[in-house]
Amino acid sequence: MRTRSAFLTVVVAFLVGVFTVSAHGQGGSPGSILSPVQLANEIAALRARVAKLESGAVEAADFVGTYRLYSLGIELVPLIPGVRPAKVGPETGAATITFRSDGTGSISGAVRRFNLVQGPWIVEDTSPAPGEGELIWSYADGVLTIGTGGDFNVVVGAGARILIAGTGNAVGAGSWSQLLVAIRVP
């Protein structure tokens, strides 16, 4: 019986020590100990943030802020004898996009674009100059729509911390596919 009592005392002392150390790990300053009420409040706040992330229940205000945008596009253009050579055109881009609370925003960045052209097999650098511009955006019924002359819809993930969009369509006799990923900047 004494062995069991001693064992329980050691376990309780260990658990109290673990919870005392972890209680000031994030909520308080080093060396401070959160009270049970403070710890319960911290846990409740954390649970609310996790629930929002898991549920996908976001609202327009959650998008306000700055994102880092990355894109990858590929254009395939077939050969038309006597008219044009075939070409493959990869494109990569990086930009900063900011959503303001009034439904407007801005974007600035650069795109790198090259064409591998059939025939003498040359590589052309067709990259435009870096640019910037204004945009409009809205969020309703679970869809983020960004309009910068051509509207597109965006998949929203991780409580509006990650945005993903993809397009693919026929361009003339060829095709164009693009993937965009934006990550919220803290």
N, C-alpha and C. Protein backbone atom coordinates (compact mmCIF):
# COMPACT_ATOMS: atom_id res chain seq x y z
N MET A 1 0.82 -1.19 0.00
CA MET A 1 0.00 0.00 0.00
C MET A 1 0.86 1.26 0.00
N ARG A 2 1.96 1.22 0.78
CA ARG A 2 2.86 2.38 0.83
C ARG A 2 3.52 2.60 -0.52
N THR A 3 3.81 1.54 -1.24
CA THR A 3 4.44 1.66 -2.56
C THR A 3 3.49 2.35 -3.52
N ARG A 4 2.21 1.93 -3.48
CA ARG A 4 1.22 2.55 -4.35
C ARG A 4 1.05 4.03 -3.99
N SER A 5 1.01 4.37 -2.74
CA SER A 5 0.86 5.75 -2.30
C SER A 5 2.06 6.59 -2.72
N ALA A 6 3.25 6.04 -2.58
CA ALA A 6 4.46 6.76 -2.99
C ALA A 6 4.46 6.97 -4.50
N PHE A 7 4.04 5.94 -5.24
CA PHE A 7 3.99 6.04 -6.70
C PHE A 7 3.01 7.14 -7.13
N LEU A 8 1.82 7.18 -6.51
CA LEU A 8 0.84 8.22 -6.85
C LEU A 8 1.36 9.61 -6.51
N THR A 9 2.08 9.74 -5.43
CA THR A 9 2.66 11.03 -5.05
C THR A 9 3.66 11.49 -6.10
N VAL A 10 4.49 10.58 -6.59
CA VAL A 10 5.47 10.92 -7.62
C VAL A 10 4.76 11.32 -8.92
N VAL A 11 3.70 10.58 -9.32
CA VAL A 11 2.96 10.89 -10.54
C VAL A 11 2.30 12.25 -10.43
N VAL A 12 1.67 12.54 -9.32
CA VAL A 12 1.01 13.83 -9.12
C VAL A 12 2.04 14.96 -9.15
N ALA A 13 3.17 14.77 -8.49
CA ALA A 13 4.22 15.79 -8.49
C ALA A 13 4.73 16.03 -9.90
N PHE A 14 4.88 14.94 -10.66
CA PHE A 14 5.35 15.07 -12.05
C PHE A 14 4.33 15.85 -12.88
N LEU A 15 3.04 15.50 -12.79
CA LEU A 15 2.02 16.19 -13.56
C LEU A 15 1.92 17.66 -13.19
N VAL A 16 2.01 17.98 -11.91
CA VAL A 16 1.97 19.38 -11.49
C VAL A 16 3.17 20.12 -12.08
N GLY A 17 4.34 19.48 -12.07
CA GLY A 17 5.53 20.09 -12.66
C GLY A 17 5.38 20.31 -14.16
N VAL A 18 4.83 19.33 -14.88
CA VAL A 18 4.63 19.45 -16.33
C VAL A 18 3.66 20.57 -16.63
N PHE A 19 2.52 20.62 -15.93
CA PHE A 19 1.54 21.65 -16.21
C PHE A 19 2.03 23.04 -15.79
N THR A 20 2.85 23.11 -14.76
CA THR A 20 3.41 24.40 -14.35
C THR A 20 4.36 24.91 -15.43
N VAL A 21 5.21 24.03 -15.97
CA VAL A 21 6.15 24.44 -17.02
C VAL A 21 5.41 24.82 -18.29
N SER A 22 4.45 24.00 -18.73
CA SER A 22 3.77 24.30 -19.98
C SER A 22 2.79 25.46 -19.85
N ALA A 23 2.36 25.76 -18.64
CA ALA A 23 1.39 26.84 -18.46
C ALA A 23 1.98 28.19 -18.81
N HIS A 24 3.26 28.39 -18.68
CA HIS A 24 3.84 29.67 -19.04
C HIS A 24 4.58 29.60 -20.37
N GLY A 25 4.45 28.49 -21.08
CA GLY A 25 5.14 28.33 -22.35
C GLY A 25 4.70 29.31 -23.41
N GLN A 26 3.41 29.66 -23.48
CA GLN A 26 2.95 30.57 -24.51
C GLN A 26 2.17 31.76 -23.97
N GLY A 27 1.41 31.56 -22.91
CA GLY A 27 0.51 32.61 -22.47
C GLY A 27 1.16 33.69 -21.62
N GLY A 28 2.16 33.35 -20.85
CA GLY A 28 2.75 34.34 -19.96
C GLY A 28 4.19 34.58 -20.30
N SER A 29 4.78 35.47 -19.54
CA SER A 29 6.20 35.73 -19.75
C SER A 29 7.00 34.63 -19.07
N PRO A 30 8.25 34.43 -19.49
CA PRO A 30 9.07 33.40 -18.85
C PRO A 30 9.13 33.60 -17.34
N GLY A 31 8.95 32.53 -16.63
CA GLY A 31 8.99 32.59 -15.18
C GLY A 31 7.64 32.83 -14.54
N SER A 32 6.63 33.23 -15.34
CA SER A 32 5.30 33.44 -14.77
C SER A 32 4.49 32.17 -14.90
N ILE A 33 3.54 32.03 -14.05
CA ILE A 33 2.69 30.85 -14.07
C ILE A 33 1.25 31.33 -14.23
N LEU A 34 0.54 30.74 -15.19
CA LEU A 34 -0.86 31.10 -15.39
C LEU A 34 -1.71 30.47 -14.30
N SER A 35 -2.70 31.20 -13.89
CA SER A 35 -3.65 30.63 -12.94
C SER A 35 -4.53 29.64 -13.69
N PRO A 36 -5.21 28.77 -12.99
CA PRO A 36 -6.10 27.83 -13.67
C PRO A 36 -7.14 28.54 -14.55
N VAL A 37 -7.64 29.69 -14.11
CA VAL A 37 -8.62 30.44 -14.90
C VAL A 37 -7.97 30.98 -16.17
N GLN A 38 -6.76 31.55 -16.05
CA GLN A 38 -6.05 32.05 -17.22
C GLN A 38 -5.74 30.93 -18.21
N LEU A 39 -5.32 29.80 -17.68
CA LEU A 39 -5.02 28.65 -18.54
C LEU A 39 -6.29 28.17 -19.24
N ALA A 40 -7.40 28.13 -18.53
CA ALA A 40 -8.67 27.72 -19.14
C ALA A 40 -9.08 28.71 -20.23
N ASN A 41 -8.87 30.01 -20.01
CA ASN A 41 -9.18 31.02 -21.03
C ASN A 41 -8.29 30.85 -22.26
N GLU A 42 -7.00 30.59 -22.05
CA GLU A 42 -6.08 30.37 -23.16
C GLU A 42 -6.50 29.15 -23.99
N ILE A 43 -6.88 28.08 -23.32
CA ILE A 43 -7.31 26.86 -24.01
C ILE A 43 -8.61 27.12 -24.78
N ALA A 44 -9.54 27.85 -24.17
CA ALA A 44 -10.81 28.16 -24.85
C ALA A 44 -10.56 29.00 -26.10
N ALA A 45 -9.66 29.97 -26.01
CA ALA A 45 -9.35 30.81 -27.17
C ALA A 45 -8.69 29.98 -28.27
N LEU A 46 -7.80 29.10 -27.89
CA LEU A 46 -7.15 28.22 -28.86
C LEU A 46 -8.16 27.29 -29.53
N ARG A 47 -9.06 26.74 -28.74
CA ARG A 47 -10.10 25.87 -29.31
C ARG A 47 -10.98 26.63 -30.31
N ALA A 48 -11.30 27.89 -30.00
CA ALA A 48 -12.13 28.69 -30.91
C ALA A 48 -11.39 28.93 -32.23
N ARG A 49 -10.08 29.22 -32.17
CA ARG A 49 -9.32 29.44 -33.40
C ARG A 49 -9.22 28.16 -34.22
N VAL A 50 -8.99 27.02 -33.57
CA VAL A 50 -8.90 25.74 -34.27
C VAL A 50 -10.26 25.39 -34.88
N ALA A 51 -11.34 25.61 -34.15
CA ALA A 51 -12.67 25.32 -34.68
C ALA A 51 -12.95 26.15 -35.94
N LYS A 52 -12.53 27.40 -35.94
CA LYS A 52 -12.74 28.26 -37.11
C LYS A 52 -11.95 27.72 -38.30
N LEU A 53 -10.70 27.33 -38.06
CA LEU A 53 -9.89 26.77 -39.14
C LEU A 53 -10.50 25.49 -39.70
N GLU A 54 -10.96 24.61 -38.80
CA GLU A 54 -11.51 23.33 -39.24
C GLU A 54 -12.86 23.47 -39.91
N SER A 55 -13.65 24.43 -39.51
CA SER A 55 -15.00 24.57 -40.06
C SER A 55 -15.00 25.29 -41.40
N GLY A 56 -13.97 26.11 -41.66
CA GLY A 56 -13.95 26.91 -42.88
C GLY A 56 -14.89 28.10 -42.80
N ALA A 57 -15.43 28.38 -41.62
CA ALA A 57 -16.36 29.49 -41.44
C ALA A 57 -15.59 30.80 -41.39
N VAL A 58 -15.40 31.39 -42.55
CA VAL A 58 -14.70 32.67 -42.61
C VAL A 58 -15.65 33.75 -43.10
N GLU A 59 -15.27 34.97 -42.89
CA GLU A 59 -16.06 36.11 -43.36
C GLU A 59 -15.12 37.08 -44.06
N ALA A 60 -15.67 38.06 -44.72
CA ALA A 60 -14.88 38.99 -45.53
C ALA A 60 -13.74 39.62 -44.72
N ALA A 61 -13.99 39.95 -43.47
CA ALA A 61 -12.97 40.60 -42.64
C ALA A 61 -11.73 39.73 -42.46
N ASP A 62 -11.87 38.41 -42.58
CA ASP A 62 -10.74 37.50 -42.41
C ASP A 62 -9.71 37.63 -43.54
N PHE A 63 -10.09 38.20 -44.67
CA PHE A 63 -9.18 38.31 -45.81
C PHE A 63 -8.36 39.60 -45.79
N VAL A 64 -8.77 40.56 -45.01
CA VAL A 64 -8.08 41.85 -44.99
C VAL A 64 -6.65 41.64 -44.49
N GLY A 65 -5.70 42.04 -45.32
CA GLY A 65 -4.29 41.87 -44.98
C GLY A 65 -3.47 41.61 -46.22
N THR A 66 -2.25 41.16 -46.01
CA THR A 66 -1.29 40.97 -47.10
C THR A 66 -0.97 39.50 -47.30
N TYR A 67 -0.87 39.11 -48.56
CA TYR A 67 -0.55 37.75 -48.95
C TYR A 67 0.65 37.75 -49.89
N ARG A 68 1.38 36.67 -49.89
CA ARG A 68 2.45 36.45 -50.87
C ARG A 68 1.88 35.48 -51.90
N LEU A 69 1.88 35.87 -53.16
CA LEU A 69 1.26 35.10 -54.25
C LEU A 69 2.35 34.50 -55.14
N TYR A 70 2.19 33.21 -55.46
CA TYR A 70 3.10 32.51 -56.37
C TYR A 70 2.27 31.87 -57.47
N SER A 71 2.79 31.90 -58.70
CA SER A 71 2.03 31.33 -59.81
C SER A 71 2.94 30.50 -60.71
N LEU A 72 2.32 29.53 -61.36
CA LEU A 72 2.98 28.71 -62.37
C LEU A 72 2.00 28.53 -63.51
N GLY A 73 2.42 28.90 -64.71
CA GLY A 73 1.58 28.76 -65.89
C GLY A 73 2.33 28.04 -67.00
N ILE A 74 1.58 27.32 -67.82
CA ILE A 74 2.18 26.63 -68.96
C ILE A 74 1.27 26.81 -70.17
N GLU A 75 1.86 27.28 -71.26
CA GLU A 75 1.13 27.45 -72.51
C GLU A 75 1.69 26.46 -73.53
N LEU A 76 0.80 25.78 -74.22
CA LEU A 76 1.18 24.86 -75.29
C LEU A 76 0.54 25.34 -76.58
N VAL A 77 1.36 25.60 -77.59
CA VAL A 77 0.86 26.09 -78.87
C VAL A 77 1.33 25.11 -79.95
N PRO A 78 0.37 24.50 -80.68
CA PRO A 78 0.77 23.52 -81.70
C PRO A 78 1.30 24.18 -82.98
N LEU A 79 2.03 23.39 -83.70
CA LEU A 79 2.56 23.81 -84.99
C LEU A 79 1.42 23.99 -86.00
N ILE A 80 1.44 25.08 -86.74
CA ILE A 80 0.57 25.26 -87.90
C ILE A 80 1.53 25.50 -89.07
N PRO A 81 1.75 24.45 -89.90
CA PRO A 81 2.75 24.56 -90.97
C PRO A 81 2.53 25.79 -91.83
N GLY A 82 3.62 26.50 -92.06
CA GLY A 82 3.59 27.70 -92.88
C GLY A 82 3.05 28.92 -92.16
N VAL A 83 2.50 28.77 -90.94
CA VAL A 83 1.94 29.90 -90.20
C VAL A 83 2.78 30.22 -88.96
N ARG A 84 3.02 29.20 -88.12
CA ARG A 84 3.79 29.43 -86.90
C ARG A 84 4.40 28.11 -86.43
N PRO A 85 5.51 28.22 -85.69
CA PRO A 85 6.10 27.01 -85.12
C PRO A 85 5.36 26.62 -83.83
N ALA A 86 5.58 25.41 -83.38
CA ALA A 86 5.05 24.98 -82.09
C ALA A 86 5.91 25.60 -80.99
N LYS A 87 5.29 25.83 -79.84
CA LYS A 87 6.08 26.37 -78.72
C LYS A 87 5.49 25.92 -77.39
N VAL A 88 6.35 25.90 -76.40
CA VAL A 88 5.98 25.63 -75.01
C VAL A 88 6.41 26.86 -74.24
N GLY A 89 5.49 27.42 -73.47
CA GLY A 89 5.78 28.65 -72.74
C GLY A 89 5.53 28.54 -71.26
N PRO A 90 6.55 28.20 -70.46
CA PRO A 90 6.36 28.20 -69.00
C PRO A 90 6.47 29.62 -68.44
N GLU A 91 5.72 29.86 -67.36
CA GLU A 91 5.71 31.18 -66.73
C GLU A 91 5.66 30.99 -65.22
N THR A 92 6.47 31.73 -64.49
CA THR A 92 6.41 31.74 -63.03
C THR A 92 6.25 33.18 -62.57
N GLY A 93 5.61 33.35 -61.45
CA GLY A 93 5.40 34.70 -60.95
C GLY A 93 5.44 34.75 -59.44
N ALA A 94 5.76 35.90 -58.91
CA ALA A 94 5.73 36.15 -57.47
C ALA A 94 5.23 37.58 -57.28
N ALA A 95 4.31 37.73 -56.35
CA ALA A 95 3.72 39.05 -56.14
C ALA A 95 3.29 39.20 -54.69
N THR A 96 3.04 40.43 -54.31
CA THR A 96 2.43 40.74 -53.02
C THR A 96 1.05 41.29 -53.32
N ILE A 97 0.04 40.70 -52.67
CA ILE A 97 -1.33 41.14 -52.88
C ILE A 97 -1.90 41.56 -51.52
N THR A 98 -2.56 42.71 -51.50
CA THR A 98 -3.14 43.23 -50.26
C THR A 98 -4.63 43.45 -50.46
N PHE A 99 -5.43 42.91 -49.54
CA PHE A 99 -6.87 43.12 -49.56
C PHE A 99 -7.20 44.16 -48.49
N ARG A 100 -7.90 45.22 -48.88
CA ARG A 100 -8.34 46.25 -47.94
C ARG A 100 -9.80 45.99 -47.54
N SER A 101 -10.19 46.52 -46.41
CA SER A 101 -11.53 46.24 -45.87
C SER A 101 -12.66 46.81 -46.71
N ASP A 102 -12.38 47.74 -47.61
CA ASP A 102 -13.44 48.33 -48.43
C ASP A 102 -13.69 47.57 -49.74
N GLY A 103 -13.10 46.37 -49.89
CA GLY A 103 -13.32 45.58 -51.10
C GLY A 103 -12.37 45.92 -52.24
N THR A 104 -11.37 46.74 -51.95
CA THR A 104 -10.35 47.05 -52.94
C THR A 104 -9.03 46.43 -52.48
N GLY A 105 -8.04 46.51 -53.33
CA GLY A 105 -6.74 45.97 -52.95
C GLY A 105 -5.69 46.38 -53.96
N SER A 106 -4.50 45.87 -53.74
CA SER A 106 -3.40 46.16 -54.65
C SER A 106 -2.57 44.91 -54.87
N ILE A 107 -1.86 44.89 -55.98
CA ILE A 107 -0.97 43.79 -56.30
C ILE A 107 0.27 44.36 -56.96
N SER A 108 1.42 43.81 -56.60
CA SER A 108 2.67 44.20 -57.25
C SER A 108 3.57 42.98 -57.31
N GLY A 109 4.26 42.84 -58.42
CA GLY A 109 5.14 41.68 -58.54
C GLY A 109 5.75 41.58 -59.91
N ALA A 110 6.31 40.41 -60.18
CA ALA A 110 7.00 40.17 -61.43
C ALA A 110 6.70 38.77 -61.95
N VAL A 111 6.77 38.65 -63.26
CA VAL A 111 6.54 37.37 -63.94
C VAL A 111 7.77 37.07 -64.80
N ARG A 112 8.18 35.82 -64.81
CA ARG A 112 9.25 35.37 -65.71
C ARG A 112 8.60 34.43 -66.72
N ARG A 113 8.80 34.71 -67.99
CA ARG A 113 8.18 33.90 -69.04
C ARG A 113 9.20 33.63 -70.14
N PHE A 114 9.24 32.38 -70.56
CA PHE A 114 10.11 31.94 -71.64
C PHE A 114 9.31 31.10 -72.61
N ASN A 115 9.72 31.09 -73.86
CA ASN A 115 9.12 30.23 -74.87
C ASN A 115 10.20 29.36 -75.47
N LEU A 116 9.95 28.07 -75.51
CA LEU A 116 10.80 27.15 -76.24
C LEU A 116 10.11 26.95 -77.60
N VAL A 117 10.74 27.47 -78.65
CA VAL A 117 10.12 27.51 -79.97
C VAL A 117 10.74 26.44 -80.86
N GLN A 118 9.85 25.66 -81.50
CA GLN A 118 10.28 24.61 -82.42
C GLN A 118 10.84 25.23 -83.69
N GLY A 119 11.68 24.50 -84.34
CA GLY A 119 12.29 24.96 -85.59
C GLY A 119 13.77 24.97 -85.35
N PRO A 120 14.33 26.17 -85.21
CA PRO A 120 15.74 26.19 -84.83
C PRO A 120 15.91 25.91 -83.33
N TRP A 121 14.80 25.64 -82.62
CA TRP A 121 14.78 25.38 -81.18
C TRP A 121 15.50 26.48 -80.42
N ILE A 122 14.83 27.58 -80.30
CA ILE A 122 15.36 28.71 -79.56
C ILE A 122 14.53 28.95 -78.30
N VAL A 123 15.15 29.59 -77.35
CA VAL A 123 14.45 29.98 -76.13
C VAL A 123 14.35 31.50 -76.14
N GLU A 124 13.11 32.00 -76.06
CA GLU A 124 12.85 33.43 -76.05
C GLU A 124 12.47 33.85 -74.63
N ASP A 125 13.03 34.94 -74.17
CA ASP A 125 12.62 35.53 -72.90
C ASP A 125 11.57 36.58 -73.22
N THR A 126 10.33 36.29 -72.88
CA THR A 126 9.23 37.23 -73.16
C THR A 126 8.67 37.81 -71.87
N SER A 127 9.50 37.90 -70.83
CA SER A 127 9.06 38.39 -69.52
C SER A 127 8.68 39.86 -69.60
N PRO A 128 7.51 40.21 -69.10
CA PRO A 128 7.15 41.63 -69.03
C PRO A 128 7.88 42.31 -67.87
N ALA A 129 7.87 43.60 -67.88
CA ALA A 129 8.47 44.36 -66.77
C ALA A 129 7.63 44.14 -65.50
N PRO A 130 8.26 44.20 -64.33
CA PRO A 130 7.47 44.11 -63.09
C PRO A 130 6.36 45.15 -63.10
N GLY A 131 5.26 44.82 -62.45
CA GLY A 131 4.14 45.75 -62.47
C GLY A 131 3.39 45.81 -61.17
N GLU A 132 2.44 46.70 -61.13
CA GLU A 132 1.56 46.84 -59.97
C GLU A 132 0.23 47.37 -60.43
N GLY A 133 -0.78 47.16 -59.61
CA GLY A 133 -2.10 47.64 -59.97
C GLY A 133 -3.08 47.51 -58.83
N GLU A 134 -4.27 48.01 -59.08
CA GLU A 134 -5.35 47.95 -58.10
C GLU A 134 -6.30 46.82 -58.49
N LEU A 135 -7.07 46.34 -57.53
CA LEU A 135 -8.04 45.28 -57.79
C LEU A 135 -9.26 45.47 -56.91
N ILE A 136 -10.31 44.74 -57.24
CA ILE A 136 -11.49 44.69 -56.39
C ILE A 136 -11.69 43.24 -55.98
N TRP A 137 -12.32 43.04 -54.83
CA TRP A 137 -12.56 41.69 -54.36
C TRP A 137 -13.84 41.65 -53.54
N SER A 138 -14.40 40.46 -53.44
CA SER A 138 -15.59 40.26 -52.60
C SER A 138 -15.60 38.82 -52.12
N TYR A 139 -16.31 38.60 -51.02
CA TYR A 139 -16.47 37.26 -50.47
C TYR A 139 -17.92 37.07 -50.09
N ALA A 140 -18.55 36.07 -50.68
CA ALA A 140 -19.95 35.78 -50.38
C ALA A 140 -20.23 34.31 -50.65
N ASP A 141 -21.03 33.70 -49.80
CA ASP A 141 -21.45 32.30 -49.96
C ASP A 141 -20.27 31.36 -50.15
N GLY A 142 -19.19 31.61 -49.42
CA GLY A 142 -18.04 30.72 -49.46
C GLY A 142 -17.13 30.88 -50.66
N VAL A 143 -17.32 31.93 -51.47
CA VAL A 143 -16.51 32.13 -52.67
C VAL A 143 -15.82 33.48 -52.61
N LEU A 144 -14.49 33.47 -52.74
CA LEU A 144 -13.71 34.70 -52.85
C LEU A 144 -13.55 34.98 -54.33
N THR A 145 -14.01 36.14 -54.77
CA THR A 145 -13.90 36.55 -56.17
C THR A 145 -12.97 37.74 -56.25
N ILE A 146 -11.98 37.62 -57.11
CA ILE A 146 -11.03 38.71 -57.32
C ILE A 146 -11.18 39.17 -58.76
N GLY A 147 -11.37 40.48 -58.94
CA GLY A 147 -11.52 41.03 -60.28
C GLY A 147 -10.42 42.03 -60.57
N THR A 148 -9.66 41.76 -61.60
CA THR A 148 -8.61 42.70 -62.03
C THR A 148 -8.75 42.89 -63.53
N GLY A 149 -9.95 42.88 -64.03
CA GLY A 149 -10.20 42.93 -65.47
C GLY A 149 -10.81 41.62 -65.93
N GLY A 150 -10.39 40.52 -65.35
CA GLY A 150 -10.98 39.21 -65.61
C GLY A 150 -11.21 38.54 -64.27
N ASP A 151 -12.44 38.28 -63.91
CA ASP A 151 -12.74 37.71 -62.60
C ASP A 151 -12.37 36.24 -62.53
N PHE A 152 -11.94 35.80 -61.36
CA PHE A 152 -11.78 34.38 -61.11
C PHE A 152 -12.08 34.10 -59.65
N ASN A 153 -12.52 32.86 -59.41
CA ASN A 153 -12.90 32.44 -58.07
C ASN A 153 -11.74 31.69 -57.43
N VAL A 154 -11.65 31.80 -56.12
CA VAL A 154 -10.51 31.29 -55.37
C VAL A 154 -11.00 30.30 -54.31
N VAL A 155 -10.27 29.20 -54.16
CA VAL A 155 -10.53 28.24 -53.08
C VAL A 155 -9.85 28.78 -51.83
N VAL A 156 -10.58 28.79 -50.73
CA VAL A 156 -10.10 29.34 -49.47
C VAL A 156 -9.78 28.20 -48.51
N GLY A 157 -8.60 28.24 -47.89
CA GLY A 157 -8.23 27.21 -46.94
C GLY A 157 -7.64 27.81 -45.67
N ALA A 158 -7.62 27.01 -44.64
CA ALA A 158 -6.98 27.35 -43.36
C ALA A 158 -7.44 28.71 -42.84
N GLY A 159 -8.75 28.92 -42.78
CA GLY A 159 -9.28 30.15 -42.20
C GLY A 159 -8.84 31.40 -42.92
N ALA A 160 -8.77 31.35 -44.24
CA ALA A 160 -8.37 32.46 -45.12
C ALA A 160 -6.87 32.73 -45.04
N ARG A 161 -6.09 31.76 -44.59
CA ARG A 161 -4.63 31.92 -44.54
C ARG A 161 -3.98 31.43 -45.83
N ILE A 162 -4.67 30.55 -46.57
CA ILE A 162 -4.16 30.01 -47.83
C ILE A 162 -5.23 30.16 -48.90
N LEU A 163 -4.86 30.68 -50.05
CA LEU A 163 -5.79 30.87 -51.17
C LEU A 163 -5.20 30.14 -52.38
N ILE A 164 -6.05 29.41 -53.11
CA ILE A 164 -5.59 28.64 -54.27
C ILE A 164 -6.56 28.86 -55.42
N ALA A 165 -6.01 29.09 -56.61
CA ALA A 165 -6.84 29.24 -57.81
C ALA A 165 -6.14 28.53 -58.96
N GLY A 166 -6.92 27.99 -59.85
CA GLY A 166 -6.37 27.35 -61.03
C GLY A 166 -7.25 27.64 -62.23
N THR A 167 -6.61 27.82 -63.36
CA THR A 167 -7.36 28.05 -64.59
C THR A 167 -6.77 27.16 -65.67
N GLY A 168 -7.57 26.86 -66.62
CA GLY A 168 -7.13 26.10 -67.77
C GLY A 168 -8.12 26.34 -68.89
N ASN A 169 -7.62 26.68 -70.06
CA ASN A 169 -8.53 26.92 -71.17
C ASN A 169 -7.78 26.83 -72.48
N ALA A 170 -8.57 26.75 -73.53
CA ALA A 170 -8.01 26.74 -74.87
C ALA A 170 -7.72 28.16 -75.29
N VAL A 171 -6.55 28.37 -75.85
CA VAL A 171 -6.15 29.68 -76.36
C VAL A 171 -5.85 29.48 -77.83
N GLY A 172 -6.76 29.94 -78.68
CA GLY A 172 -6.57 29.68 -80.12
C GLY A 172 -6.57 28.18 -80.35
N ALA A 173 -5.53 27.70 -80.98
CA ALA A 173 -5.41 26.26 -81.21
C ALA A 173 -4.55 25.60 -80.14
N GLY A 174 -4.20 26.34 -79.08
CA GLY A 174 -3.37 25.79 -78.02
C GLY A 174 -4.11 25.75 -76.71
N SER A 175 -3.34 25.68 -75.63
CA SER A 175 -3.97 25.67 -74.31
C SER A 175 -3.10 26.43 -73.32
N TRP A 176 -3.75 26.89 -72.25
CA TRP A 176 -3.09 27.63 -71.18
C TRP A 176 -3.59 27.10 -69.86
N SER A 177 -2.68 26.74 -68.96
CA SER A 177 -3.03 26.29 -67.62
C SER A 177 -2.23 27.09 -66.61
N GLN A 178 -2.87 27.43 -65.50
CA GLN A 178 -2.18 28.23 -64.49
C GLN A 178 -2.64 27.82 -63.11
N LEU A 179 -1.70 27.81 -62.17
CA LEU A 179 -1.97 27.53 -60.77
C LEU A 179 -1.44 28.70 -59.95
N LEU A 180 -2.28 29.22 -59.05
CA LEU A 180 -1.88 30.32 -58.17
C LEU A 180 -2.08 29.91 -56.73
N VAL A 181 -1.13 30.22 -55.89
CA VAL A 181 -1.21 29.95 -54.45
C VAL A 181 -0.79 31.21 -53.71
N ALA A 182 -1.63 31.64 -52.78
CA ALA A 182 -1.30 32.82 -51.95
C ALA A 182 -1.31 32.42 -50.49
N ILE A 183 -0.31 32.90 -49.76
CA ILE A 183 -0.15 32.58 -48.35
C ILE A 183 -0.15 33.88 -47.56
N ARG A 184 -0.96 33.92 -46.51
CA ARG A 184 -1.09 35.13 -45.69
C ARG A 184 0.23 35.44 -44.99
N VAL A 185 0.62 36.70 -45.05
CA VAL A 185 1.84 37.16 -44.38
C VAL A 185 1.46 37.61 -42.98
N PRO A 186 2.18 37.11 -41.96
CA PRO A 186 1.83 37.51 -40.58
C PRO A 186 2.01 39.00 -40.35
